[in-house]
């Protein structure tokens, strides 16, 4: 299995968007992204991720994003 490497913020956000995450809030230090699913009573949150607002996103930060988003690690390699 290839090792994870630092990725650009744009690359991380594009991977998350590809898997249905949307930017809901842009703070000074982080970008909050959520994934929604339509339920019988309207949309509900099924995932939330905070992306650091800097480049590059370090491997240790990337590992937290992978765990939080439940996206396969291979997508980030």
PDB file of N, CA and C in Angstrom:
ATOM      1  N   UNK A   1       0.845  -1.171   0.000  1.00  0.00           N
ATOM      2  CA  UNK A   1       0.000   0.000   0.000  1.00  0.00           C
ATOM      3  C   UNK A   1       0.897   1.244   0.000  1.00  0.00           C
ATOM      4  N   UNK A   2       0.672   2.171  -0.935  1.00  0.00           N
ATOM      5  CA  UNK A   2       1.491   3.389  -0.978  1.00  0.00           C
ATOM      6  C   UNK A   2       1.310   4.233   0.286  1.00  0.00           C
ATOM      7  N   UNK A   3       2.336   4.996   0.595  1.00  0.00           N
ATOM      8  CA  UNK A   3       2.272   5.861   1.766  1.00  0.00           C
ATOM      9  C   UNK A   3       1.474   7.120   1.444  1.00  0.00           C
ATOM     10  N   UNK A   4       0.819   7.631   2.467  1.00  0.00           N
ATOM     11  CA  UNK A   4       0.152   8.921   2.319  1.00  0.00           C
ATOM     12  C   UNK A   4       1.210  10.001   2.218  1.00  0.00           C
ATOM     13  N   UNK A   5       0.883  11.084   1.521  1.00  0.00           N
ATOM     14  CA  UNK A   5       1.781  12.225   1.435  1.00  0.00           C
ATOM     15  C   UNK A   5       0.958  13.487   1.642  1.00  0.00           C
ATOM     16  N   UNK A   6       1.637  14.569   1.949  1.00  0.00           N
ATOM     17  CA  UNK A   6       0.941  15.842   2.095  1.00  0.00           C
ATOM     18  C   UNK A   6       0.218  16.167   0.797  1.00  0.00           C
ATOM     19  N   UNK A   7      -1.002  16.696   0.898  1.00  0.00           N
ATOM     20  CA  UNK A   7      -1.791  17.064  -0.275  1.00  0.00           C
ATOM     21  C   UNK A   7      -2.197  18.530  -0.180  1.00  0.00           C
ATOM     22  N   UNK A   8      -2.462  19.116  -1.325  1.00  0.00           N
ATOM     23  CA  UNK A   8      -2.942  20.495  -1.331  1.00  0.00           C
ATOM     24  C   UNK A   8      -4.369  20.540  -0.799  1.00  0.00           C
ATOM     25  N   UNK A   9      -4.728  21.675  -0.277  1.00  0.00           N
ATOM     26  CA  UNK A   9      -6.082  21.869   0.235  1.00  0.00           C
ATOM     27  C   UNK A   9      -7.103  21.677  -0.887  1.00  0.00           C
ATOM     28  N   UNK A  10      -6.810  22.196  -2.070  1.00  0.00           N
ATOM     29  CA  UNK A  10      -7.728  22.050  -3.208  1.00  0.00           C
ATOM     30  C   UNK A  10      -7.958  20.592  -3.556  1.00  0.00           C
ATOM     31  N   UNK A  11      -6.903  19.778  -3.509  1.00  0.00           N
ATOM     32  CA  UNK A  11      -7.026  18.348  -3.835  1.00  0.00           C
ATOM     33  C   UNK A  11      -7.907  17.644  -2.806  1.00  0.00           C
ATOM     34  N   UNK A  12      -7.699  17.931  -1.527  1.00  0.00           N
ATOM     35  CA  UNK A  12      -8.486  17.304  -0.465  1.00  0.00           C
ATOM     36  C   UNK A  12      -9.961  17.683  -0.613  1.00  0.00           C
ATOM     37  N   UNK A  13     -10.227  18.959  -0.868  1.00  0.00           N
ATOM     38  CA  UNK A  13     -11.609  19.417  -1.026  1.00  0.00           C
ATOM     39  C   UNK A  13     -12.256  18.759  -2.240  1.00  0.00           C
ATOM     40  N   UNK A  14     -11.517  18.611  -3.338  1.00  0.00           N
ATOM     41  CA  UNK A  14     -12.101  17.981  -4.534  1.00  0.00           C
ATOM     42  C   UNK A  14     -12.426  16.509  -4.289  1.00  0.00           C
ATOM     43  N   UNK A  15     -11.601  15.811  -3.502  1.00  0.00           N
ATOM     44  CA  UNK A  15     -11.889  14.414  -3.162  1.00  0.00           C
ATOM     45  C   UNK A  15     -13.163  14.341  -2.322  1.00  0.00           C
ATOM     46  N   UNK A  16     -13.280  15.219  -1.355  1.00  0.00           N
ATOM     47  CA  UNK A  16     -14.468  15.239  -0.503  1.00  0.00           C
ATOM     48  C   UNK A  16     -15.719  15.568  -1.316  1.00  0.00           C
ATOM     49  N   UNK A  17     -15.628  16.549  -2.206  1.00  0.00           N
ATOM     50  CA  UNK A  17     -16.777  16.913  -3.036  1.00  0.00           C
ATOM     51  C   UNK A  17     -17.185  15.768  -3.953  1.00  0.00           C
ATOM     52  N   UNK A  18     -16.207  15.026  -4.446  1.00  0.00           N
ATOM     53  CA  UNK A  18     -16.490  13.869  -5.301  1.00  0.00           C
ATOM     54  C   UNK A  18     -17.324  12.826  -4.558  1.00  0.00           C
ATOM     55  N   UNK A  19     -17.188  12.804  -3.243  1.00  0.00           N
ATOM     56  CA  UNK A  19     -17.915  11.838  -2.412  1.00  0.00           C
ATOM     57  C   UNK A  19     -19.139  12.453  -1.738  1.00  0.00           C
ATOM     58  N   UNK A  20     -19.592  13.599  -2.234  1.00  0.00           N
ATOM     59  CA  UNK A  20     -20.854  14.164  -1.776  1.00  0.00           C
ATOM     60  C   UNK A  20     -20.780  15.197  -0.673  1.00  0.00           C
ATOM     61  N   UNK A  21     -19.584  15.588  -0.241  1.00  0.00           N
ATOM     62  CA  UNK A  21     -19.461  16.607   0.796  1.00  0.00           C
ATOM     63  C   UNK A  21     -19.606  17.993   0.173  1.00  0.00           C
ATOM     64  N   UNK A  22     -20.196  18.914   0.942  1.00  0.00           N
ATOM     65  CA  UNK A  22     -20.385  20.297   0.503  1.00  0.00           C
ATOM     66  C   UNK A  22     -19.824  21.232   1.560  1.00  0.00           C
ATOM     67  N   UNK A  23     -19.231  22.335   1.108  1.00  0.00           N
ATOM     68  CA  UNK A  23     -18.748  23.344   2.051  1.00  0.00           C
ATOM     69  C   UNK A  23     -19.957  24.055   2.653  1.00  0.00           C
ATOM     70  N   UNK A  24     -20.023  24.075   3.977  1.00  0.00           N
ATOM     71  CA  UNK A  24     -21.145  24.738   4.643  1.00  0.00           C
ATOM     72  C   UNK A  24     -20.701  25.978   5.418  1.00  0.00           C
ATOM     73  N   UNK A  25     -19.437  26.030   5.762  1.00  0.00           N
ATOM     74  CA  UNK A  25     -18.939  27.177   6.520  1.00  0.00           C
ATOM     75  C   UNK A  25     -17.445  27.317   6.271  1.00  0.00           C
ATOM     76  N   UNK A  26     -17.020  28.555   6.127  1.00  0.00           N
ATOM     77  CA  UNK A  26     -15.606  28.850   5.901  1.00  0.00           C
ATOM     78  C   UNK A  26     -15.144  29.742   7.040  1.00  0.00           C
ATOM     79  N   UNK A  27     -14.367  29.165   7.934  1.00  0.00           N
ATOM     80  CA  UNK A  27     -13.841  29.936   9.053  1.00  0.00           C
ATOM     81  C   UNK A  27     -12.410  30.336   8.722  1.00  0.00           C
ATOM     82  N   UNK A  28     -11.821  31.114   9.580  1.00  0.00           N
ATOM     83  CA  UNK A  28     -10.463  31.575   9.304  1.00  0.00           C
ATOM     84  C   UNK A  28      -9.460  30.422   9.286  1.00  0.00           C
ATOM     85  N   UNK A  29      -9.609  29.475  10.193  1.00  0.00           N
ATOM     86  CA  UNK A  29      -8.619  28.400  10.300  1.00  0.00           C
ATOM     87  C   UNK A  29      -9.062  27.078   9.687  1.00  0.00           C
ATOM     88  N   UNK A  30     -10.359  26.907   9.434  1.00  0.00           N
ATOM     89  CA  UNK A  30     -10.869  25.641   8.903  1.00  0.00           C
ATOM     90  C   UNK A  30     -12.031  25.872   7.937  1.00  0.00           C
ATOM     91  N   UNK A  31     -12.224  24.879   7.078  1.00  0.00           N
ATOM     92  CA  UNK A  31     -13.381  24.832   6.194  1.00  0.00           C
ATOM     93  C   UNK A  31     -14.220  23.649   6.662  1.00  0.00           C
ATOM     94  N   UNK A  32     -15.474  23.892   6.970  1.00  0.00           N
ATOM     95  CA  UNK A  32     -16.359  22.835   7.448  1.00  0.00           C
ATOM     96  C   UNK A  32     -17.147  22.299   6.257  1.00  0.00           C
ATOM     97  N   UNK A  33     -17.059  20.979   6.050  1.00  0.00           N
ATOM     98  CA  UNK A  33     -17.766  20.325   4.948  1.00  0.00           C
ATOM     99  C   UNK A  33     -18.670  19.247   5.526  1.00  0.00           C
ATOM    100  N   UNK A  34     -19.878  19.139   4.967  1.00  0.00           N
ATOM    101  CA  UNK A  34     -20.837  18.139   5.442  1.00  0.00           C
ATOM    102  C   UNK A  34     -21.427  17.374   4.274  1.00  0.00           C
ATOM    103  N   UNK A  35     -21.840  16.165   4.574  1.00  0.00           N
ATOM    104  CA  UNK A  35     -22.515  15.317   3.596  1.00  0.00           C
ATOM    105  C   UNK A  35     -23.943  15.114   4.089  1.00  0.00           C
ATOM    106  N   UNK A  36     -24.896  15.350   3.206  1.00  0.00           N
ATOM    107  CA  UNK A  36     -26.309  15.259   3.565  1.00  0.00           C
ATOM    108  C   UNK A  36     -26.971  14.101   2.837  1.00  0.00           C
ATOM    109  N   UNK A  37     -28.026  13.585   3.451  1.00  0.00           N
ATOM    110  CA  UNK A  37     -28.831  12.520   2.858  1.00  0.00           C
ATOM    111  C   UNK A  37     -30.292  12.900   3.066  1.00  0.00           C
ATOM    112  N   UNK A  38     -31.096  12.692   2.058  1.00  0.00           N
ATOM    113  CA  UNK A  38     -32.518  13.010   2.192  1.00  0.00           C
ATOM    114  C   UNK A  38     -33.231  11.901   2.957  1.00  0.00           C
ATOM    115  N   UNK A  39     -33.900  12.298   4.011  1.00  0.00           N
ATOM    116  CA  UNK A  39     -34.701  11.368   4.789  1.00  0.00           C
ATOM    117  C   UNK A  39     -36.170  11.699   4.613  1.00  0.00           C
ATOM    118  N   UNK A  40     -37.011  10.974   5.283  1.00  0.00           N
ATOM    119  CA  UNK A  40     -38.449  11.207   5.160  1.00  0.00           C
ATOM    120  C   UNK A  40     -38.863  12.570   5.724  1.00  0.00           C
ATOM    121  N   UNK A  41     -38.070  13.091   6.661  1.00  0.00           N
ATOM    122  CA  UNK A  41     -38.387  14.393   7.251  1.00  0.00           C
ATOM    123  C   UNK A  41     -37.449  15.500   6.775  1.00  0.00           C
ATOM    124  N   UNK A  42     -36.800  15.309   5.630  1.00  0.00           N
ATOM    125  CA  UNK A  42     -35.901  16.314   5.066  1.00  0.00           C
ATOM    126  C   UNK A  42     -34.441  15.874   5.124  1.00  0.00           C
ATOM    127  N   UNK A  43     -33.543  16.774   4.752  1.00  0.00           N
ATOM    128  CA  UNK A  43     -32.122  16.400   4.736  1.00  0.00           C
ATOM    129  C   UNK A  43     -31.577  16.194   6.143  1.00  0.00           C
ATOM    130  N   UNK A  44     -30.658  15.233   6.247  1.00  0.00           N
ATOM    131  CA  UNK A  44     -29.981  15.020   7.523  1.00  0.00           C
ATOM    132  C   UNK A  44     -28.493  14.856   7.263  1.00  0.00           C
ATOM    133  N   UNK A  45     -27.695  15.191   8.234  1.00  0.00           N
ATOM    134  CA  UNK A  45     -26.236  15.129   8.110  1.00  0.00           C
ATOM    135  C   UNK A  45     -25.783  13.694   8.316  1.00  0.00           C
ATOM    136  N   UNK A  46     -24.996  13.179   7.376  1.00  0.00           N
ATOM    137  CA  UNK A  46     -24.457  11.829   7.516  1.00  0.00           C
ATOM    138  C   UNK A  46     -22.939  11.841   7.660  1.00  0.00           C
ATOM    139  N   UNK A  47     -22.328  12.999   7.525  1.00  0.00           N
ATOM    140  CA  UNK A  47     -20.888  13.113   7.700  1.00  0.00           C
ATOM    141  C   UNK A  47     -20.475  14.563   7.808  1.00  0.00           C
ATOM    142  N   UNK A  48     -19.439  14.821   8.598  1.00  0.00           N
ATOM    143  CA  UNK A  48     -18.908  16.176   8.752  1.00  0.00           C
ATOM    144  C   UNK A  48     -17.388  16.092   8.878  1.00  0.00           C
ATOM    145  N   UNK A  49     -16.718  17.021   8.199  1.00  0.00           N
ATOM    146  CA  UNK A  49     -15.259  17.036   8.184  1.00  0.00           C
ATOM    147  C   UNK A  49     -14.794  18.485   8.283  1.00  0.00           C
ATOM    148  N   UNK A  50     -13.726  18.702   9.047  1.00  0.00           N
ATOM    149  CA  UNK A  50     -13.095  20.016   9.101  1.00  0.00           C
ATOM    150  C   UNK A  50     -11.761  19.930   8.361  1.00  0.00           C
ATOM    151  N   UNK A  51     -11.601  20.773   7.334  1.00  0.00           N
ATOM    152  CA  UNK A  51     -10.377  20.794   6.535  1.00  0.00           C
ATOM    153  C   UNK A  51      -9.574  22.022   6.950  1.00  0.00           C
ATOM    154  N   UNK A  52      -8.315  21.841   7.357  1.00  0.00           N
ATOM    155  CA  UNK A  52      -7.502  23.001   7.727  1.00  0.00           C
ATOM    156  C   UNK A  52      -7.379  23.966   6.551  1.00  0.00           C
ATOM    157  N   UNK A  53      -7.429  25.252   6.849  1.00  0.00           N
ATOM    158  CA  UNK A  53      -7.378  26.267   5.807  1.00  0.00           C
ATOM    159  C   UNK A  53      -5.924  26.705   5.570  1.00  0.00           C
ATOM    160  N   UNK A  54      -5.112  25.762   5.094  1.00  0.00           N
ATOM    161  CA  UNK A  54      -3.724  26.065   4.736  1.00  0.00           C
ATOM    162  C   UNK A  54      -3.203  25.000   3.784  1.00  0.00           C
ATOM    163  N   UNK A  55      -2.114  25.294   3.137  1.00  0.00           N
ATOM    164  CA  UNK A  55      -1.442  24.337   2.251  1.00  0.00           C
ATOM    165  C   UNK A  55      -0.049  24.069   2.776  1.00  0.00           C
ATOM    166  N   UNK A  56       0.427  22.849   2.661  1.00  0.00           N
ATOM    167  CA  UNK A  56      -0.325  21.643   2.337  1.00  0.00           C
ATOM    168  C   UNK A  56      -1.039  21.101   3.562  1.00  0.00           C
ATOM    169  N   UNK A  57      -1.942  20.157   3.311  1.00  0.00           N
ATOM    170  CA  UNK A  57      -2.592  19.416   4.396  1.00  0.00           C
ATOM    171  C   UNK A  57      -1.615  18.295   4.756  1.00  0.00           C
ATOM    172  N   UNK A  58      -1.124  18.305   5.977  1.00  0.00           N
ATOM    173  CA  UNK A  58      -0.119  17.337   6.401  1.00  0.00           C
ATOM    174  C   UNK A  58      -0.725  15.952   6.591  1.00  0.00           C
ATOM    175  N   UNK A  59       0.131  14.938   6.527  1.00  0.00           N
ATOM    176  CA  UNK A  59      -0.317  13.547   6.620  1.00  0.00           C
ATOM    177  C   UNK A  59      -1.116  13.307   7.900  1.00  0.00           C
ATOM    178  N   UNK A  60      -0.659  13.822   9.020  1.00  0.00           N
ATOM    179  CA  UNK A  60      -1.388  13.594  10.286  1.00  0.00           C
ATOM    180  C   UNK A  60      -2.775  14.226  10.250  1.00  0.00           C
ATOM    181  N   UNK A  61      -2.920  15.370   9.573  1.00  0.00           N
ATOM    182  CA  UNK A  61      -4.232  15.996   9.421  1.00  0.00           C
ATOM    183  C   UNK A  61      -5.086  15.199   8.433  1.00  0.00           C
ATOM    184  N   UNK A  62      -4.445  14.690   7.404  1.00  0.00           N
ATOM    185  CA  UNK A  62      -5.130  13.894   6.386  1.00  0.00           C
ATOM    186  C   UNK A  62      -5.710  12.617   6.992  1.00  0.00           C
ATOM    187  N   UNK A  63      -4.985  12.010   7.919  1.00  0.00           N
ATOM    188  CA  UNK A  63      -5.469  10.792   8.563  1.00  0.00           C
ATOM    189  C   UNK A  63      -6.765  11.055   9.338  1.00  0.00           C
ATOM    190  N   UNK A  64      -6.875  12.208   9.973  1.00  0.00           N
ATOM    191  CA  UNK A  64      -8.097  12.571  10.696  1.00  0.00           C
ATOM    192  C   UNK A  64      -9.243  12.773   9.705  1.00  0.00           C
ATOM    193  N   UNK A  65      -8.963  13.424   8.575  1.00  0.00           N
ATOM    194  CA  UNK A  65      -9.981  13.652   7.548  1.00  0.00           C
ATOM    195  C   UNK A  65     -10.484  12.325   6.987  1.00  0.00           C
ATOM    196  N   UNK A  66      -9.570  11.394   6.734  1.00  0.00           N
ATOM    197  CA  UNK A  66      -9.941  10.085   6.193  1.00  0.00           C
ATOM    198  C   UNK A  66     -10.859   9.351   7.181  1.00  0.00           C
ATOM    199  N   UNK A  67     -10.496   9.364   8.449  1.00  0.00           N
ATOM    200  CA  UNK A  67     -11.302   8.698   9.472  1.00  0.00           C
ATOM    201  C   UNK A  67     -12.682   9.346   9.598  1.00  0.00           C
ATOM    202  N   UNK A  68     -12.720  10.665   9.616  1.00  0.00           N
ATOM    203  CA  UNK A  68     -13.990  11.389   9.784  1.00  0.00           C
ATOM    204  C   UNK A  68     -14.913  11.221   8.589  1.00  0.00           C
ATOM    205  N   UNK A  69     -14.334  11.224   7.383  1.00  0.00           N
ATOM    206  CA  UNK A  69     -15.154  11.180   6.168  1.00  0.00           C
ATOM    207  C   UNK A  69     -15.581   9.769   5.785  1.00  0.00           C
ATOM    208  N   UNK A  70     -14.856   8.764   6.290  1.00  0.00           N
ATOM    209  CA  UNK A  70     -15.112   7.359   5.941  1.00  0.00           C
ATOM    210  C   UNK A  70     -14.908   7.091   4.451  1.00  0.00           C
ATOM    211  N   UNK A  71     -14.071   7.907   3.816  1.00  0.00           N
ATOM    212  CA  UNK A  71     -13.691   7.697   2.410  1.00  0.00           C
ATOM    213  C   UNK A  71     -12.483   6.762   2.411  1.00  0.00           C
ATOM    214  N   UNK A  72     -12.432   5.799   1.493  1.00  0.00           N
ATOM    215  CA  UNK A  72     -11.289   4.883   1.463  1.00  0.00           C
ATOM    216  C   UNK A  72      -9.955   5.626   1.355  1.00  0.00           C
ATOM    217  N   UNK A  73      -8.987   5.161   2.107  1.00  0.00           N
ATOM    218  CA  UNK A  73      -7.649   5.759   2.153  1.00  0.00           C
ATOM    219  C   UNK A  73      -7.033   5.870   0.763  1.00  0.00           C
ATOM    220  N   UNK A  74      -7.325   4.900  -0.091  1.00  0.00           N
ATOM    221  CA  UNK A  74      -6.740   4.852  -1.422  1.00  0.00           C
ATOM    222  C   UNK A  74      -7.056   6.104  -2.244  1.00  0.00           C
ATOM    223  N   UNK A  75      -8.189   6.737  -1.961  1.00  0.00           N
ATOM    224  CA  UNK A  75      -8.573   7.962  -2.689  1.00  0.00           C
ATOM    225  C   UNK A  75      -7.588   9.095  -2.442  1.00  0.00           C
ATOM    226  N   UNK A  76      -6.872   9.048  -1.312  1.00  0.00           N
ATOM    227  CA  UNK A  76      -5.966  10.119  -0.935  1.00  0.00           C
ATOM    228  C   UNK A  76      -4.507   9.798  -1.242  1.00  0.00           C
ATOM    229  N   UNK A  77      -4.236   8.642  -1.848  1.00  0.00           N
ATOM    230  CA  UNK A  77      -2.840   8.255  -2.120  1.00  0.00           C
ATOM    231  C   UNK A  77      -2.387   8.770  -3.462  1.00  0.00           C
TER     232      UNK A  77
END
